[in-house]
Amino acid sequence: MPRQHIVVTYRATDEEKALIASTLADRADFTFLKDLPRRDRLAPFGKADALISWFPAREYPEGAYGLMKNVRLLQMVSAGVDHVDIDLLPAHVRIAANVGAYAQPMAEHVLAMILAVYKRLPWKHAKLAAGEFDQLSLNRTLRGSVCAILGYGGIGKAVADILRPLGVRIHAVNSTGTTDQDVEFVGTLTDLEAVLRAADIVVVSLALNRSTRGLLGRRQLAWMKDDALLVNVARGDIVDEEALYERLKTHPAFTAAIDAWWSEPLRNDAFRLDHPFFDLPNVLGSPHNSAMVPGALAEGMARAADNVLRFLDGKEPKGIVRREDYAG
């Protein structure tokens, strides 16, 4: 088979370059775009068969989209593709999300957030620091609780695997309404009301696209129990910011654990909130770092390279997204 050409458009580390080479060197040649002088960064798009990218808008030089005559696959290193301007990509380019690449550390982060809220750890710590020894206030137990996982892909399944041994009952929502996993209930977004009403914990691990943007608004949040916990490790825009703030403000037993925010430095150049969430006592936050553990980025690249190898071998790549879910 003729050798293919892969263009890696972001600044890969030496470790990531070695991973790419060990996986693909027998089948392809590479260009690491950021190693080239700026004046030479456009031409490689004309000979590329596949691209490996993080943030195309920041990585592609002007004129790159018009040269993608031979590009058949855009493999993302990120798990989501909502930051990709799909309308600019030629119609023949398929886009693969790096599905499940960061699932295990993200599942651990979800567990940490749930336990921190259920055991009231930040609040008890603050009381101790203020000199109050509150030994008698009750915590909550996970055993017997219902966790609704919205987005039952790689991350959602990893969350279920880590919660199930603790006695948590899993209600899963995905695009097909079927799963071979051990769950108490599985459905689609058409079952959203019933799922939210039944849940003690709701974990958002959906992809952000046209159908999920603003999915959880005032009406949907009102379906949830007054003392429910909402955990978002996906994208901020899946949840209506104002609606969530008002729900938290008016329902003090309701809690949100937020890792994914509406405006973040990597996507919007700054962390900014339109509502003062951190003035509320029922919010726990982290800076969208649920996947950031040692080796996570290298693992993500390894999975991306494996998927490109599938493409080179003539197999269907994993994580191919539907353009109609994102375009427009």
Protein backbone atom coordinates (compact mmCIF):
# COMPACT_ATOMS: atom_id res chain seq x y z
CA MET A 1 0.00 0.00 0.00
CA PRO A 2 1.27 3.54 -0.74
CA ARG A 3 2.56 5.47 2.24
CA GLN A 4 0.23 8.09 3.63
CA HIS A 5 1.13 11.50 5.00
CA ILE A 6 0.00 12.64 8.44
CA VAL A 7 0.21 16.27 9.55
CA VAL A 8 0.24 16.89 13.30
CA THR A 9 -0.90 20.48 13.62
CA TYR A 10 -0.35 21.20 17.34
CA ARG A 11 2.95 21.43 19.21
CA ALA A 12 3.56 17.81 20.16
CA THR A 13 5.98 16.90 22.92
CA ASP A 14 8.91 14.57 22.30
CA GLU A 15 6.98 11.82 24.08
CA GLU A 16 3.96 12.34 21.85
CA LYS A 17 6.13 12.35 18.73
CA ALA A 18 7.64 9.04 19.82
CA LEU A 19 4.16 7.58 20.35
CA ILE A 20 3.06 8.65 16.89
CA ALA A 21 6.19 7.21 15.33
CA SER A 22 5.92 3.88 17.16
CA THR A 23 2.31 3.49 16.04
CA LEU A 24 2.34 4.85 12.50
CA ALA A 25 5.91 4.89 11.15
CA ASP A 26 5.44 1.67 9.18
CA ARG A 27 2.50 3.14 7.32
CA ALA A 28 2.97 6.88 7.08
CA ASP A 29 5.30 9.85 6.96
CA PHE A 30 4.75 12.80 9.28
CA THR A 31 4.99 16.53 9.39
CA PHE A 32 4.95 18.21 12.80
CA LEU A 33 3.62 21.57 11.76
CA LYS A 34 4.84 23.58 14.74
CA ASP A 35 8.43 22.47 14.08
CA LEU A 36 8.40 24.34 10.77
CA PRO A 37 8.99 28.06 10.26
CA ARG A 38 5.70 29.93 9.96
CA ARG A 39 6.26 30.59 6.29
CA ASP A 40 6.38 26.84 5.61
CA ARG A 41 3.30 25.78 7.56
CA LEU A 42 0.74 26.01 4.76
CA ALA A 43 2.20 23.65 2.14
CA PRO A 44 1.91 20.41 4.20
CA PHE A 45 -1.91 20.62 4.07
CA GLY A 46 -1.71 20.03 0.32
CA LYS A 47 -0.11 16.59 0.73
CA ALA A 48 -1.82 15.46 3.92
CA ASP A 49 -4.05 12.37 3.99
CA ALA A 50 -4.95 12.86 7.65
CA LEU A 51 -4.60 15.58 10.26
CA ILE A 52 -4.13 15.22 14.01
CA SER A 53 -5.28 18.38 15.80
CA TRP A 54 -6.27 19.94 19.12
CA PHE A 55 -7.60 23.42 18.20
CA PRO A 56 -7.82 23.79 14.41
CA ALA A 57 -8.75 27.48 14.55
CA ARG A 58 -5.51 28.24 16.36
CA GLU A 59 -3.30 25.75 14.56
CA TYR A 60 -4.22 26.05 10.86
CA PRO A 61 -2.64 28.89 8.88
CA GLU A 62 -4.77 31.03 6.62
CA GLY A 63 -5.61 29.17 3.42
CA ALA A 64 -5.22 25.68 4.93
CA TYR A 65 -8.83 24.59 4.36
CA GLY A 66 -8.57 25.25 0.64
CA LEU A 67 -5.58 22.89 0.31
CA MET A 68 -7.23 19.85 1.92
CA LYS A 69 -7.80 18.04 -1.38
CA ASN A 70 -6.44 14.71 -0.12
CA VAL A 71 -7.36 14.93 3.55
CA ARG A 72 -9.84 12.20 4.42
CA LEU A 73 -9.67 12.26 8.23
CA LEU A 74 -9.36 14.92 10.90
CA GLN A 75 -8.44 13.07 14.09
CA MET A 76 -8.95 15.17 17.19
CA VAL A 77 -6.80 14.68 20.27
CA SER A 78 -9.58 16.28 22.32
CA ALA A 79 -12.59 14.20 23.32
CA GLY A 80 -15.02 16.84 22.04
CA VAL A 81 -15.29 18.54 18.65
CA ASP A 82 -17.58 21.45 19.53
CA HIS A 83 -14.68 23.89 19.07
CA VAL A 84 -14.08 22.77 15.47
CA ASP A 85 -15.53 25.01 12.74
CA ILE A 86 -16.95 22.12 10.76
CA ASP A 87 -18.49 24.40 8.14
CA LEU A 88 -14.97 25.33 6.97
CA LEU A 89 -13.85 21.73 6.47
CA PRO A 90 -14.27 20.30 2.96
CA ALA A 91 -17.21 17.91 2.77
CA HIS A 92 -15.00 14.87 2.10
CA VAL A 93 -13.11 15.24 5.42
CA ARG A 94 -14.42 12.98 8.18
CA ILE A 95 -13.98 14.11 11.80
CA ALA A 96 -13.14 11.68 14.60
CA ALA A 97 -13.51 12.65 18.25
CA ASN A 98 -11.05 11.06 20.64
CA VAL A 99 -13.83 9.24 22.46
CA GLY A 100 -13.07 7.80 25.88
CA ALA A 101 -9.44 8.90 25.80
CA TYR A 102 -9.62 10.58 29.21
CA ALA A 103 -12.46 8.57 30.72
CA GLN A 104 -10.73 6.98 33.69
CA PRO A 105 -9.29 10.11 35.35
CA MET A 106 -12.53 11.95 34.62
CA ALA A 107 -14.54 9.20 36.31
CA GLU A 108 -12.28 9.46 39.37
CA HIS A 109 -12.89 13.21 39.40
CA VAL A 110 -16.64 12.69 39.26
CA LEU A 111 -16.40 10.30 42.21
CA ALA A 112 -14.29 12.82 44.14
CA MET A 113 -16.81 15.59 43.55
CA ILE A 114 -19.76 13.39 44.52
CA LEU A 115 -18.09 12.23 47.71
CA ALA A 116 -16.95 15.75 48.60
CA VAL A 117 -20.56 16.94 48.35
CA TYR A 118 -22.16 13.90 49.98
CA LYS A 119 -19.70 13.93 52.86
CA ARG A 120 -19.79 17.77 53.04
CA LEU A 121 -16.00 17.89 53.11
CA PRO A 122 -15.37 21.49 51.93
CA TRP A 123 -18.03 22.84 54.26
CA LYS A 124 -16.89 20.79 57.27
CA HIS A 125 -13.31 21.89 56.63
CA ALA A 126 -14.42 25.54 56.59
CA LYS A 127 -16.23 25.07 59.90
CA LEU A 128 -13.18 23.50 61.49
CA ALA A 129 -11.00 26.33 60.21
CA ALA A 130 -13.44 28.74 61.87
CA GLY A 131 -13.18 26.84 65.15
CA GLU A 132 -16.52 25.00 64.92
CA PHE A 133 -16.40 21.24 65.63
CA ASP A 134 -19.63 20.07 63.96
CA GLN A 135 -19.59 16.34 64.65
CA LEU A 136 -23.33 15.67 64.67
CA SER A 137 -24.54 16.98 61.30
CA LEU A 138 -25.46 14.07 59.05
CA ASN A 139 -23.63 13.21 55.84
CA ARG A 140 -25.22 11.32 52.95
CA THR A 141 -24.46 7.80 51.78
CA LEU A 142 -24.13 6.70 48.16
CA ARG A 143 -25.53 3.24 48.72
CA GLY A 144 -28.99 2.94 47.23
CA SER A 145 -28.88 6.28 45.44
CA VAL A 146 -29.75 6.68 41.76
CA CYS A 147 -27.20 8.27 39.43
CA ALA A 148 -28.44 9.38 36.03
CA ILE A 149 -25.59 9.56 33.53
CA LEU A 150 -26.42 11.77 30.56
CA GLY A 151 -24.06 10.61 27.84
CA TYR A 152 -23.30 6.95 28.32
CA GLY A 153 -20.15 6.71 26.23
CA GLY A 154 -16.58 6.17 27.37
CA ILE A 155 -16.75 8.67 30.23
CA GLY A 156 -20.25 7.70 31.29
CA LYS A 157 -19.43 4.01 31.40
CA ALA A 158 -16.25 4.67 33.40
CA VAL A 159 -18.32 6.70 35.89
CA ALA A 160 -20.81 3.85 36.19
CA ASP A 161 -18.01 1.31 36.72
CA ILE A 162 -16.61 3.32 39.61
CA LEU A 163 -19.99 4.04 41.24
CA ARG A 164 -21.67 0.66 40.85
CA PRO A 165 -19.50 -1.14 43.47
CA LEU A 166 -20.53 1.54 45.98
CA GLY A 167 -24.17 0.49 45.68
CA VAL A 168 -25.26 3.20 43.25
CA ARG A 169 -28.05 2.36 40.81
CA ILE A 170 -27.29 3.57 37.29
CA HIS A 171 -29.80 5.15 34.91
CA ALA A 172 -28.11 5.66 31.55
CA VAL A 173 -29.02 7.99 28.70
CA ASN A 174 -27.41 7.59 25.28
CA SER A 175 -28.33 7.98 21.62
CA THR A 176 -29.63 4.44 21.10
CA GLY A 177 -31.43 3.62 24.34
CA THR A 178 -29.54 0.33 24.55
CA THR A 179 -26.41 -0.90 26.33
CA ASP A 180 -24.77 -4.17 27.27
CA GLN A 181 -23.70 -2.66 30.59
CA ASP A 182 -25.25 -3.48 33.97
CA VAL A 183 -27.71 -0.61 34.44
CA GLU A 184 -31.09 -0.33 36.12
CA PHE A 185 -32.49 1.77 33.26
CA VAL A 186 -31.31 2.88 29.83
CA GLY A 187 -33.06 5.34 27.55
CA THR A 188 -32.58 8.29 25.24
CA LEU A 189 -33.08 12.02 25.69
CA THR A 190 -36.78 11.42 25.07
CA ASP A 191 -36.75 9.87 28.57
CA LEU A 192 -35.05 12.90 30.12
CA GLU A 193 -37.92 13.96 32.37
CA ALA A 194 -38.36 10.52 33.95
CA VAL A 195 -34.60 10.12 34.38
CA LEU A 196 -34.12 13.52 36.03
CA ARG A 197 -37.07 13.01 38.36
CA ALA A 198 -35.71 9.66 39.56
CA ALA A 199 -32.10 10.74 40.07
CA ASP A 200 -30.33 11.69 43.27
CA ILE A 201 -27.20 12.49 41.22
CA VAL A 202 -27.06 13.63 37.60
CA VAL A 203 -23.72 13.41 35.79
CA VAL A 204 -23.42 15.31 32.52
CA SER A 205 -20.94 13.67 30.14
CA LEU A 206 -22.63 14.48 26.84
CA ALA A 207 -21.00 15.90 23.76
CA LEU A 208 -21.93 19.52 23.14
CA ASN A 209 -23.72 19.84 19.81
CA ARG A 210 -26.82 21.43 18.31
CA SER A 211 -29.20 19.10 20.17
CA THR A 212 -27.54 19.31 23.60
CA ARG A 213 -26.73 23.02 23.82
CA GLY A 214 -28.93 24.42 26.58
CA LEU A 215 -30.39 20.97 27.22
CA LEU A 216 -30.77 21.58 30.95
CA GLY A 217 -32.75 24.76 31.44
CA ARG A 218 -35.27 25.96 34.03
CA ARG A 219 -37.87 23.37 33.12
CA GLN A 220 -35.45 20.45 33.19
CA LEU A 221 -33.76 21.54 36.42
CA ALA A 222 -37.19 21.83 38.04
CA TRP A 223 -37.74 18.13 37.31
CA MET A 224 -34.84 17.27 39.59
CA LYS A 225 -35.21 16.52 43.29
CA ASP A 226 -34.81 19.46 45.66
CA ASP A 227 -31.71 17.82 47.20
CA ALA A 228 -30.23 16.45 43.98
CA LEU A 229 -26.61 16.88 42.93
CA LEU A 230 -25.71 17.98 39.39
CA VAL A 231 -22.16 17.15 38.23
CA ASN A 232 -20.98 18.61 34.92
CA VAL A 233 -17.68 17.36 33.46
CA ALA A 234 -18.72 17.87 29.84
CA ARG A 235 -19.33 21.41 28.55
CA GLY A 236 -20.79 24.38 30.37
CA ASP A 237 -23.16 25.28 27.55
CA ILE A 238 -25.17 22.07 28.01
CA VAL A 239 -26.60 23.72 31.14
CA ASP A 240 -28.29 27.12 31.09
CA GLU A 241 -26.10 29.29 33.33
CA GLU A 242 -28.82 31.61 34.62
CA ALA A 243 -31.26 28.76 35.19
CA LEU A 244 -28.71 26.81 37.21
CA TYR A 245 -27.80 29.83 39.30
CA GLU A 246 -31.44 30.53 40.11
CA ARG A 247 -32.07 26.88 40.97
CA LEU A 248 -29.12 26.86 43.36
CA LYS A 249 -30.09 30.18 44.90
CA THR A 250 -33.71 29.23 45.54
CA HIS A 251 -33.10 25.58 46.52
CA PRO A 252 -30.31 25.50 49.13
CA ALA A 253 -30.37 21.68 49.39
CA PHE A 254 -29.71 21.41 45.65
CA THR A 255 -25.98 21.20 44.82
CA ALA A 256 -23.86 21.63 41.71
CA ALA A 257 -20.34 20.32 41.20
CA ILE A 258 -18.97 22.06 38.14
CA ASP A 259 -15.80 21.19 36.25
CA ALA A 260 -16.89 22.54 32.84
CA TRP A 261 -17.69 26.27 32.70
CA TRP A 262 -19.35 28.58 30.21
CA SER A 263 -16.35 30.79 29.55
CA GLU A 264 -12.89 29.24 29.94
CA PRO A 265 -9.37 30.39 29.02
CA LEU A 266 -8.66 27.73 26.37
CA ARG A 267 -11.94 28.27 24.57
CA ASN A 268 -12.93 31.87 25.30
CA ASP A 269 -9.59 33.41 26.38
CA ALA A 270 -10.80 34.03 29.95
CA PHE A 271 -12.64 32.48 32.85
CA ARG A 272 -15.76 34.56 33.36
CA LEU A 273 -19.10 34.06 35.08
CA ASP A 274 -22.27 36.02 34.40
CA HIS A 275 -23.65 35.02 37.81
CA PRO A 276 -21.88 34.89 41.21
CA PHE A 277 -21.87 31.14 41.71
CA PHE A 278 -19.11 31.27 44.30
CA ASP A 279 -21.21 33.45 46.57
CA LEU A 280 -23.50 30.43 46.98
CA PRO A 281 -22.86 27.80 49.66
CA ASN A 282 -24.05 24.88 47.50
CA VAL A 283 -21.50 25.03 44.69
CA LEU A 284 -18.29 23.02 44.34
CA GLY A 285 -15.99 23.94 41.48
CA SER A 286 -12.85 22.75 39.73
CA PRO A 287 -11.04 24.40 36.79
CA HIS A 288 -11.94 21.91 34.02
CA ASN A 289 -9.04 19.69 35.04
CA SER A 290 -10.86 16.39 35.55
CA ALA A 291 -8.68 14.68 32.93
CA MET A 292 -5.39 16.23 34.02
CA VAL A 293 -3.34 13.48 35.62
CA PRO A 294 0.25 12.45 34.82
CA GLY A 295 0.40 10.76 31.42
CA ALA A 296 -3.14 11.78 30.40
CA LEU A 297 -2.11 13.81 27.36
CA ALA A 298 0.25 11.10 26.17
CA GLU A 299 -2.54 8.55 26.60
CA GLY A 300 -4.83 10.79 24.57
CA MET A 301 -2.30 11.01 21.77
CA ALA A 302 -1.73 7.24 21.86
CA ARG A 303 -5.46 6.66 21.40
CA ALA A 304 -5.62 9.21 18.61
CA ALA A 305 -2.69 7.54 16.84
CA ASP A 306 -4.33 4.12 17.21
CA ASN A 307 -7.46 5.49 15.57
CA VAL A 308 -5.45 6.92 12.68
CA LEU A 309 -3.90 3.47 12.27
CA ARG A 310 -7.39 2.00 11.97
CA PHE A 311 -8.06 4.53 9.22
CA LEU A 312 -4.83 3.64 7.43
CA ASP A 313 -5.72 -0.05 7.66
CA GLY A 314 -9.03 0.58 5.94
CA LYS A 315 -11.10 0.07 9.09
CA GLU A 316 -13.83 2.39 10.30
CA PRO A 317 -12.29 4.92 12.73
CA LYS A 318 -13.87 5.21 16.14
CA GLY A 319 -15.69 8.37 17.20
CA ILE A 320 -16.77 9.61 13.75
CA VAL A 321 -19.16 12.52 14.31
CA ARG A 322 -22.17 13.45 12.26
CA ARG A 323 -21.61 16.79 10.58
CA GLU A 324 -25.29 17.67 10.82
CA ASP A 325 -25.03 17.60 14.62
CA TYR A 326 -22.52 20.45 14.58
CA ALA A 327 -22.67 22.37 11.28
CA GLY A 328 -24.56 25.61 10.93
